[in-house]
Amino acid sequence: MNHVNLIGTVGTIPRLAKDGSGKQVARFILSTKEDYLDASGTLKARNFKHLISAWGRWIPIVVEFGKEGVELAVEGRLTTRFYNSNGKINYITEVEVNDLIVM
């Protein structure tokens, strides 16, 4: 099963682009935070940045509500794509939106 649930804040304004077949996509960064105790028992925080891609009916919602600092709950699946740059293959893993809630 390929299933991802994230709750975080929008870190970048969504950018519209087109894929290789001409379909429109909105991509943005979602920042999440994880608290944990280190070896000495001190509370620490880790911040993570996730690339999110929204397709179809989610594009207008993401564009309207996807302002920096807005809290979102994203449910989706992991996808990986690649591109060739100067003979080097680069991989990008992102979360493709299946459902989205503005908190």
C-alpha atoms as a PDB file:
ATOM      1  CA  MET A   1       0.000   0.000   0.000  1.00  0.00           C
ATOM      2  CA  ASN A   2       1.323   3.453  -0.932  1.00  0.00           C
ATOM      3  CA  HIS A   3      -0.312   5.908   1.467  1.00  0.00           C
ATOM      4  CA  VAL A   4       0.954   9.156   3.038  1.00  0.00           C
ATOM      5  CA  ASN A   5      -0.729  11.442   5.597  1.00  0.00           C
ATOM      6  CA  LEU A   6       0.900  14.766   6.463  1.00  0.00           C
ATOM      7  CA  ILE A   7      -0.160  17.764   8.513  1.00  0.00           C
ATOM      8  CA  GLY A   8       2.028  20.810   8.130  1.00  0.00           C
ATOM      9  CA  THR A   9       2.333  24.371   6.929  1.00  0.00           C
ATOM     10  CA  VAL A  10       2.726  25.608   3.387  1.00  0.00           C
ATOM     11  CA  GLY A  11       6.354  26.583   2.942  1.00  0.00           C
ATOM     12  CA  THR A  12       6.252  27.942  -0.613  1.00  0.00           C
ATOM     13  CA  ILE A  13       3.546  29.452  -2.769  1.00  0.00           C
ATOM     14  CA  PRO A  14       2.303  26.798  -5.235  1.00  0.00           C
ATOM     15  CA  ARG A  15       3.856  27.012  -8.706  1.00  0.00           C
ATOM     16  CA  LEU A  16       1.921  25.933 -11.753  1.00  0.00           C
ATOM     17  CA  ALA A  17       3.665  23.828 -14.385  1.00  0.00           C
ATOM     18  CA  LYS A  18       2.860  21.327 -17.117  1.00  0.00           C
ATOM     19  CA  ASP A  19       4.098  17.763 -17.279  1.00  0.00           C
ATOM     20  CA  GLY A  20       5.481  16.117 -20.402  1.00  0.00           C
ATOM     21  CA  SER A  21       1.985  15.369 -21.716  1.00  0.00           C
ATOM     22  CA  GLY A  22       0.725  18.937 -21.154  1.00  0.00           C
ATOM     23  CA  LYS A  23      -1.315  18.257 -17.996  1.00  0.00           C
ATOM     24  CA  GLN A  24      -1.220  21.073 -15.444  1.00  0.00           C
ATOM     25  CA  VAL A  25       0.171  20.502 -11.947  1.00  0.00           C
ATOM     26  CA  ALA A  26       0.612  22.745  -8.900  1.00  0.00           C
ATOM     27  CA  ARG A  27       3.706  22.031  -6.779  1.00  0.00           C
ATOM     28  CA  PHE A  28       4.611  23.417  -3.371  1.00  0.00           C
ATOM     29  CA  ILE A  29       6.573  22.591  -0.238  1.00  0.00           C
ATOM     30  CA  LEU A  30       4.794  21.423   2.916  1.00  0.00           C
ATOM     31  CA  SER A  31       6.824  21.742   6.131  1.00  0.00           C
ATOM     32  CA  THR A  32       6.223  19.298   8.967  1.00  0.00           C
ATOM     33  CA  LYS A  33       7.723  19.128  12.445  1.00  0.00           C
ATOM     34  CA  GLU A  34       8.559  16.122  14.602  1.00  0.00           C
ATOM     35  CA  ASP A  35       9.414  16.363  18.303  1.00  0.00           C
ATOM     36  CA  TYR A  36      11.674  13.755  19.883  1.00  0.00           C
ATOM     37  CA  LEU A  37      13.859  13.151  22.932  1.00  0.00           C
ATOM     38  CA  ASP A  38      17.601  12.929  22.322  1.00  0.00           C
ATOM     39  CA  ALA A  39      19.894  10.516  24.190  1.00  0.00           C
ATOM     40  CA  SER A  40      20.138  12.889  27.182  1.00  0.00           C
ATOM     41  CA  GLY A  41      16.352  13.271  27.449  1.00  0.00           C
ATOM     42  CA  THR A  42      16.234  16.788  26.001  1.00  0.00           C
ATOM     43  CA  LEU A  43      13.228  17.614  23.829  1.00  0.00           C
ATOM     44  CA  LYS A  44      14.342  18.420  20.275  1.00  0.00           C
ATOM     45  CA  ALA A  45      12.495  19.215  17.071  1.00  0.00           C
ATOM     46  CA  ARG A  46      13.172  18.129  13.503  1.00  0.00           C
ATOM     47  CA  ASN A  47      11.729  19.945  10.540  1.00  0.00           C
ATOM     48  CA  PHE A  48      11.015  18.202   7.262  1.00  0.00           C
ATOM     49  CA  LYS A  49      10.178  19.623   3.851  1.00  0.00           C
ATOM     50  CA  HIS A  50       7.974  17.595   1.501  1.00  0.00           C
ATOM     51  CA  LEU A  51       7.368  18.312  -2.163  1.00  0.00           C
ATOM     52  CA  ILE A  52       3.623  18.136  -2.843  1.00  0.00           C
ATOM     53  CA  SER A  53       2.003  17.880  -6.287  1.00  0.00           C
ATOM     54  CA  ALA A  54      -1.667  18.628  -6.883  1.00  0.00           C
ATOM     55  CA  TRP A  55      -3.465  17.659 -10.080  1.00  0.00           C
ATOM     56  CA  GLY A  56      -6.922  18.208 -11.582  1.00  0.00           C
ATOM     57  CA  ARG A  57      -9.590  19.434  -9.184  1.00  0.00           C
ATOM     58  CA  TRP A  58      -7.020  20.158  -6.451  1.00  0.00           C
ATOM     59  CA  ILE A  59      -5.189  22.839  -8.443  1.00  0.00           C
ATOM     60  CA  PRO A  60      -7.686  25.709  -7.869  1.00  0.00           C
ATOM     61  CA  ILE A  61      -7.951  24.839  -4.170  1.00  0.00           C
ATOM     62  CA  VAL A  62      -4.179  24.758  -3.723  1.00  0.00           C
ATOM     63  CA  VAL A  63      -3.764  28.031  -5.632  1.00  0.00           C
ATOM     64  CA  GLU A  64      -6.475  29.770  -3.570  1.00  0.00           C
ATOM     65  CA  PHE A  65      -5.516  28.510  -0.110  1.00  0.00           C
ATOM     66  CA  GLY A  66      -1.846  27.613  -0.555  1.00  0.00           C
ATOM     67  CA  LYS A  67      -0.363  30.701   1.066  1.00  0.00           C
ATOM     68  CA  GLU A  68       2.843  30.484   3.108  1.00  0.00           C
ATOM     69  CA  GLY A  69       2.091  29.556   6.716  1.00  0.00           C
ATOM     70  CA  VAL A  70      -1.366  28.068   6.046  1.00  0.00           C
ATOM     71  CA  GLU A  71      -1.819  24.707   7.774  1.00  0.00           C
ATOM     72  CA  LEU A  72      -2.892  21.819   5.549  1.00  0.00           C
ATOM     73  CA  ALA A  73      -3.651  18.145   5.994  1.00  0.00           C
ATOM     74  CA  VAL A  74      -2.579  16.223   2.892  1.00  0.00           C
ATOM     75  CA  GLU A  75      -3.436  12.631   2.104  1.00  0.00           C
ATOM     76  CA  GLY A  76      -1.821  11.074  -0.925  1.00  0.00           C
ATOM     77  CA  ARG A  77       0.735   8.682  -2.322  1.00  0.00           C
ATOM     78  CA  LEU A  78       4.470   8.810  -2.936  1.00  0.00           C
ATOM     79  CA  THR A  79       5.616   9.142  -6.521  1.00  0.00           C
ATOM     80  CA  THR A  80       9.137   9.317  -7.928  1.00  0.00           C
ATOM     81  CA  ARG A  81      10.123  10.915 -11.202  1.00  0.00           C
ATOM     82  CA  PHE A  82      13.493  11.500 -12.784  1.00  0.00           C
ATOM     83  CA  TYR A  83      15.195  13.746 -15.278  1.00  0.00           C
ATOM     84  CA  ASN A  84      18.561  13.783 -16.991  1.00  0.00           C
ATOM     85  CA  SER A  85      20.804  16.801 -16.391  1.00  0.00           C
ATOM     86  CA  ASN A  86      24.203  16.881 -18.105  1.00  0.00           C
ATOM     87  CA  GLY A  87      24.294  13.090 -18.278  1.00  0.00           C
ATOM     88  CA  LYS A  88      23.387  12.663 -14.590  1.00  0.00           C
ATOM     89  CA  ILE A  89      20.030  11.146 -13.622  1.00  0.00           C
ATOM     90  CA  ASN A  90      18.269  13.077 -10.849  1.00  0.00           C
ATOM     91  CA  TYR A  91      15.355  11.633  -8.872  1.00  0.00           C
ATOM     92  CA  ILE A  92      12.558  13.593  -7.211  1.00  0.00           C
ATOM     93  CA  THR A  93      10.145  12.017  -4.732  1.00  0.00           C
ATOM     94  CA  GLU A  94       6.912  13.854  -4.024  1.00  0.00           C
ATOM     95  CA  VAL A  95       3.508  13.337  -2.468  1.00  0.00           C
ATOM     96  CA  GLU A  96       0.684  13.343  -5.005  1.00  0.00           C
ATOM     97  CA  VAL A  97      -2.503  14.745  -3.441  1.00  0.00           C
ATOM     98  CA  ASN A  98      -5.560  12.459  -3.195  1.00  0.00           C
ATOM     99  CA  ASP A  99      -7.309  14.573  -0.537  1.00  0.00           C
ATOM    100  CA  LEU A 100      -6.591  17.895   1.103  1.00  0.00           C
ATOM    101  CA  ILE A 101      -8.029  19.779   4.090  1.00  0.00           C
ATOM    102  CA  VAL A 102      -7.317  23.411   4.929  1.00  0.00           C
ATOM    103  CA  MET A 103      -6.996  23.463   8.717  1.00  0.00           C
END
